[in-house]
């Protein structure tokens, strides 16, 4: 089952779902490189049910596309790559 929000966003951008190879994911800290929140929870998401939550796995299942978590150290590199293209 595909996420309706993703389908709507892609339709607005005039991009077919099948043309999307993967999706970048930025999460609040602390999260692992695999996209799993710390067992202590996220600093920005105070609800205890976020502790240890595998946001990458959950979104990959719901969206049917591979996810790539963005770590804070990678964000400047992504920005530079976008500006230089």
Foldseek 3Di string as FASTA:
>chain_A
DADPVVVVVCVVVVHDLVVDQAEEAEDADDADQQQFHALPAGPVDPDNVSRRHRPQVVNCVHHVHHYGYDDPVCVVVVVVVVVVD
